[in-house]
Amino acid sequence: MTRFVAYISTIRQRGVQMNSYRGDKRRNTYKKKTGRKKAGNKNGLKRWSGKGLFKNRYILIGIVLLLILTIVLGMRSCMTDGAYHVDVDASEPQLDVQLLDVNPYSRPGIQSDGITGVVIHYTANPGSSAQENRDYFNGLKDSHETEASSNFIVGLEGEIIQCVPTWEVAYASNERNSDTVSVEVCHPDESGKFTQESYSSLVQLTAWLCVKFNLTEDDVIRHYDVTGKICPKYFVEDEDAWAEFKKNVREAIDKT
């Protein structure tokens, strides 16, 4: 009997221990499922999540700003492609006066009838300098190759050489030689498009001539407008560029 009672007591104790173990396990499982065990670190998790959120937000904002900048620069590039930046007035530009020798082939020494216009030309000799073109004109007195010259030549770097006085006839614009001032412009390649430096100098020189002879941008013409020759090539093939040039001349005049 005594052994039976002791046996029953042992079973009860084991049952208590088992219940206690299962209860702990249940509690541990509950904590895992509910996250209560992690609730004590709730603020820490929140802070970590916040940093991650802000970091991702900054990355997203950076990508959006980069995309916007790319679009803006692309649009600006399309809008300004081929355009010149001009900030000149109609003051007298720096002139390198190298008058041609008086001769029948490039400087006849004939007085003009009075200036009523400015004619723009291009050299049609890609890559040549203002000095080379000036020397070619002067050399015609010996070569007798043709009759040609210009009052002014604008170089690739914006330099301006004066070859014939403005009150004298230059052999450049056919039937308009006697009442116009001619300007030849150098260009780097076959397109006939002028460099930025050449263009700025051309605008200032043309504006100065307009003020000097009481002309407007409407009195500025192309060699093409006189004879139909594709000269200056870039301004003949691109009418918008020609209109923009005359607008730039007007703006330069208005600044004076």
Protein backbone atom coordinates (compact mmCIF):
# COMPACT_ATOMS: atom_id res chain seq x y z
CA MET A 1 0.00 0.00 0.00
CA THR A 2 2.78 2.30 0.96
CA ARG A 3 4.48 1.58 -2.41
CA PHE A 4 1.23 2.33 -4.30
CA VAL A 5 0.85 5.70 -2.62
CA ALA A 6 4.47 6.53 -3.40
CA TYR A 7 3.88 5.53 -7.05
CA ILE A 8 0.84 7.78 -7.35
CA SER A 9 2.76 10.67 -5.83
CA THR A 10 5.57 10.20 -8.35
CA ILE A 11 3.13 10.25 -11.28
CA ARG A 12 1.56 13.47 -10.03
CA GLN A 13 4.93 15.16 -9.72
CA ARG A 14 5.87 14.15 -13.27
CA GLY A 15 2.54 15.44 -14.48
CA VAL A 16 3.19 18.80 -12.89
CA GLN A 17 6.61 18.95 -14.47
CA MET A 18 5.21 18.03 -17.89
CA ASN A 19 2.44 20.58 -17.58
CA SER A 20 4.96 23.16 -16.54
CA TYR A 21 7.17 22.37 -19.60
CA ARG A 22 4.24 22.45 -21.98
CA GLY A 23 3.10 25.72 -20.55
CA ASP A 24 6.53 27.24 -21.08
CA LYS A 25 6.65 25.90 -24.60
CA ARG A 26 3.18 27.23 -25.26
CA ARG A 27 4.18 30.59 -23.92
CA ASN A 28 7.35 30.59 -26.03
CA THR A 29 5.37 29.61 -29.13
CA TYR A 30 2.85 32.35 -28.41
CA LYS A 31 5.60 34.87 -28.05
CA LYS A 32 7.06 33.83 -31.38
CA LYS A 33 3.73 34.04 -33.16
CA THR A 34 2.58 37.28 -31.59
CA GLY A 35 5.98 38.94 -31.57
CA ARG A 36 5.63 39.89 -27.91
CA LYS A 37 9.14 38.84 -27.31
CA LYS A 38 10.22 41.33 -29.95
CA ALA A 39 7.85 43.98 -28.67
CA GLY A 40 10.44 45.04 -26.16
CA ASN A 41 12.63 46.12 -29.15
CA LYS A 42 9.75 47.75 -30.94
CA ASN A 43 11.28 51.19 -30.94
CA GLY A 44 14.54 49.81 -32.28
CA LEU A 45 12.76 48.13 -35.17
CA LYS A 46 10.86 51.30 -35.89
CA ARG A 47 14.02 53.31 -36.00
CA TRP A 48 15.67 50.81 -38.38
CA SER A 49 12.64 50.80 -40.67
CA GLY A 50 12.61 54.61 -40.68
CA LYS A 51 16.23 54.80 -41.78
CA GLY A 52 15.62 52.33 -44.54
CA LEU A 53 12.56 54.26 -45.66
CA PHE A 54 14.41 57.58 -45.75
CA LYS A 55 17.35 56.01 -47.54
CA ASN A 56 15.11 54.57 -50.23
CA ARG A 57 13.27 57.87 -50.50
CA TYR A 58 16.49 59.80 -51.06
CA ILE A 59 17.54 57.35 -53.75
CA LEU A 60 14.17 57.71 -55.46
CA ILE A 61 14.32 61.51 -55.30
CA GLY A 62 17.84 61.44 -56.73
CA ILE A 63 16.76 59.26 -59.64
CA VAL A 64 13.78 61.55 -60.38
CA LEU A 65 15.96 64.69 -60.29
CA LEU A 66 18.53 63.06 -62.55
CA LEU A 67 15.80 62.10 -64.99
CA ILE A 68 14.39 65.63 -65.00
CA LEU A 69 17.85 67.13 -65.53
CA THR A 70 18.50 64.75 -68.43
CA ILE A 71 15.21 65.71 -70.08
CA VAL A 72 15.83 69.45 -69.62
CA LEU A 73 19.35 69.27 -71.03
CA GLY A 74 18.12 67.16 -73.92
CA MET A 75 15.40 69.68 -74.74
CA ARG A 76 17.83 72.57 -74.47
CA SER A 77 20.25 70.78 -76.75
CA CYS A 78 17.52 70.25 -79.34
CA MET A 79 16.35 73.85 -79.08
CA THR A 80 19.82 75.36 -79.31
CA ASP A 81 21.36 72.92 -81.75
CA GLY A 82 23.21 74.97 -84.33
CA ALA A 83 22.32 78.25 -82.63
CA TYR A 84 24.85 80.98 -81.85
CA HIS A 85 25.23 82.90 -78.63
CA VAL A 86 25.66 86.59 -79.40
CA ASP A 87 26.27 89.45 -77.01
CA VAL A 88 27.63 92.36 -79.04
CA ASP A 89 26.61 95.91 -79.86
CA ALA A 90 27.15 98.12 -82.92
CA SER A 91 30.37 99.69 -81.73
CA GLU A 92 33.30 99.68 -84.14
CA PRO A 93 35.01 96.29 -83.98
CA GLN A 94 38.76 95.88 -83.92
CA LEU A 95 39.95 96.08 -87.52
CA ASP A 96 43.23 94.91 -88.97
CA VAL A 97 43.61 97.32 -91.87
CA GLN A 98 45.64 95.72 -94.67
CA LEU A 99 44.55 97.58 -97.79
CA LEU A 100 45.19 95.87 -101.11
CA ASP A 101 47.49 97.48 -103.60
CA VAL A 102 45.53 99.49 -106.13
CA ASN A 103 45.23 97.36 -109.26
CA PRO A 104 42.62 96.52 -111.92
CA TYR A 105 41.95 93.02 -110.58
CA SER A 106 41.08 93.49 -106.91
CA ARG A 107 41.20 97.17 -105.94
CA PRO A 108 40.40 99.41 -108.88
CA GLY A 109 40.39 102.54 -106.71
CA ILE A 110 36.93 103.55 -107.96
CA GLN A 111 34.82 105.59 -105.56
CA SER A 112 31.43 104.08 -104.69
CA ASP A 113 28.11 105.72 -105.54
CA GLY A 114 27.13 105.90 -101.89
CA ILE A 115 26.45 102.92 -99.62
CA THR A 116 22.88 101.63 -99.54
CA GLY A 117 23.47 98.07 -98.37
CA VAL A 118 25.78 95.44 -96.90
CA VAL A 119 26.34 92.16 -98.75
CA ILE A 120 27.34 89.01 -96.89
CA HIS A 121 29.51 86.36 -98.61
CA TYR A 122 31.39 83.22 -97.66
CA THR A 123 34.85 82.39 -98.99
CA ALA A 124 33.89 78.95 -100.41
CA ASN A 125 37.38 77.89 -99.35
CA PRO A 126 36.95 75.68 -96.23
CA GLY A 127 39.57 76.08 -93.53
CA SER A 128 41.30 79.07 -95.10
CA SER A 129 42.15 82.04 -92.91
CA ALA A 130 41.31 85.70 -93.31
CA GLN A 131 44.98 86.44 -93.98
CA GLU A 132 45.21 83.81 -96.71
CA ASN A 133 42.14 85.18 -98.47
CA ARG A 134 43.42 88.74 -98.20
CA ASP A 135 46.77 87.70 -99.67
CA TYR A 136 44.99 85.87 -102.49
CA PHE A 137 43.09 89.04 -103.41
CA ASN A 138 46.24 91.09 -103.36
CA GLY A 139 48.07 88.51 -105.44
CA LEU A 140 45.57 88.93 -108.29
CA LYS A 141 47.46 92.03 -109.35
CA ASP A 142 50.20 89.67 -110.49
CA SER A 143 48.34 86.50 -111.43
CA HIS A 144 45.55 88.27 -113.33
CA GLU A 145 43.55 85.12 -112.61
CA THR A 146 40.22 86.88 -112.06
CA GLU A 147 38.68 90.02 -110.63
CA ALA A 148 37.74 89.52 -106.99
CA SER A 149 37.99 91.17 -103.58
CA SER A 150 35.97 92.29 -100.59
CA ASN A 151 35.93 95.28 -98.32
CA PHE A 152 36.25 93.08 -95.22
CA ILE A 153 37.15 89.48 -94.40
CA VAL A 154 36.09 87.86 -91.12
CA GLY A 155 38.43 85.07 -90.00
CA LEU A 156 37.84 81.75 -88.25
CA GLU A 157 38.80 83.20 -84.88
CA GLY A 158 36.75 86.35 -85.32
CA GLU A 159 39.57 88.55 -86.59
CA ILE A 160 38.56 91.16 -89.17
CA ILE A 161 40.84 92.33 -91.98
CA GLN A 162 39.90 95.37 -94.04
CA CYS A 163 41.10 95.07 -97.63
CA VAL A 164 39.33 97.93 -99.42
CA PRO A 165 38.10 101.26 -97.98
CA THR A 166 34.32 101.48 -97.55
CA TRP A 167 34.16 104.40 -99.95
CA GLU A 168 35.78 102.36 -102.73
CA VAL A 169 34.36 99.62 -104.95
CA ALA A 170 35.35 96.02 -104.22
CA TYR A 171 34.85 93.25 -106.75
CA ALA A 172 32.44 91.03 -104.84
CA SER A 173 28.76 91.63 -105.50
CA ASN A 174 28.44 92.05 -109.25
CA GLU A 175 26.01 94.84 -110.14
CA ARG A 176 25.81 95.88 -106.48
CA ASN A 177 29.54 96.57 -106.21
CA SER A 178 29.07 100.30 -106.65
CA ASP A 179 26.61 100.89 -103.79
CA THR A 180 27.33 98.22 -101.17
CA VAL A 181 29.99 97.16 -98.69
CA SER A 182 30.99 93.51 -99.03
CA VAL A 183 31.94 91.16 -96.20
CA GLU A 184 33.55 87.77 -96.83
CA VAL A 185 33.44 85.23 -93.97
CA CYS A 186 35.74 82.26 -93.49
CA HIS A 187 34.30 78.87 -92.53
CA PRO A 188 35.89 75.65 -91.25
CA ASP A 189 34.20 73.06 -93.46
CA GLU A 190 32.06 72.36 -96.52
CA SER A 191 28.79 73.12 -94.68
CA GLY A 192 29.63 76.81 -94.89
CA LYS A 193 28.60 77.30 -91.28
CA PHE A 194 30.60 79.95 -89.45
CA THR A 195 32.39 79.47 -86.14
CA GLN A 196 30.96 81.14 -83.05
CA GLU A 197 33.81 83.66 -83.13
CA SER A 198 33.27 84.47 -86.80
CA TYR A 199 29.54 84.84 -86.31
CA SER A 200 29.86 87.22 -83.36
CA SER A 201 32.34 89.40 -85.24
CA LEU A 202 30.13 89.37 -88.33
CA VAL A 203 27.11 90.54 -86.34
CA GLN A 204 29.07 93.38 -84.74
CA LEU A 205 30.73 94.43 -88.01
CA THR A 206 27.43 94.40 -89.89
CA ALA A 207 25.64 96.33 -87.14
CA TRP A 208 28.46 98.90 -87.08
CA LEU A 209 28.26 99.36 -90.86
CA CYS A 210 24.49 99.82 -90.61
CA VAL A 211 24.92 102.58 -88.03
CA LYS A 212 27.79 104.13 -89.99
CA PHE A 213 25.73 104.38 -93.20
CA ASN A 214 22.33 104.89 -91.60
CA LEU A 215 21.01 101.48 -92.66
CA THR A 216 18.81 98.87 -91.00
CA GLU A 217 18.95 95.07 -90.94
CA ASP A 218 16.63 95.09 -93.96
CA ASP A 219 19.44 96.62 -96.00
CA VAL A 220 21.65 93.60 -95.25
CA ILE A 221 21.51 91.04 -98.06
CA ARG A 222 23.23 87.89 -99.26
CA HIS A 223 25.23 87.51 -102.46
CA TYR A 224 22.47 85.04 -103.31
CA ASP A 225 19.92 87.89 -103.28
CA VAL A 226 21.89 89.65 -106.02
CA THR A 227 22.79 86.85 -108.41
CA GLY A 228 21.16 83.66 -107.13
CA LYS A 229 24.58 82.19 -106.32
CA ILE A 230 24.62 79.85 -103.29
CA CYS A 231 26.53 82.33 -101.19
CA PRO A 232 26.82 82.40 -98.24
CA LYS A 233 25.96 78.69 -98.34
CA TYR A 234 24.78 78.28 -94.75
CA PHE A 235 22.50 81.32 -94.89
CA VAL A 236 21.06 80.29 -98.25
CA GLU A 237 20.31 76.71 -97.23
CA ASP A 238 18.93 77.69 -93.83
CA GLU A 239 16.51 80.60 -94.11
CA ASP A 240 15.82 80.50 -90.37
CA ALA A 241 19.50 81.00 -89.67
CA TRP A 242 19.52 84.00 -92.01
CA ALA A 243 16.47 85.49 -90.30
CA GLU A 244 18.14 84.93 -86.91
CA PHE A 245 21.29 86.67 -88.12
CA LYS A 246 19.34 89.76 -89.19
CA LYS A 247 17.55 89.70 -85.83
CA ASN A 248 20.92 89.63 -84.07
CA VAL A 249 22.07 92.60 -86.13
CA ARG A 250 18.93 94.51 -85.14
CA GLU A 251 19.51 93.72 -81.48
CA ALA A 252 23.12 94.88 -81.73
CA ILE A 253 22.00 98.16 -83.33
CA ASP A 254 19.43 98.70 -80.57
CA LYS A 255 22.13 98.38 -77.91
CA THR A 256 24.04 101.34 -79.34
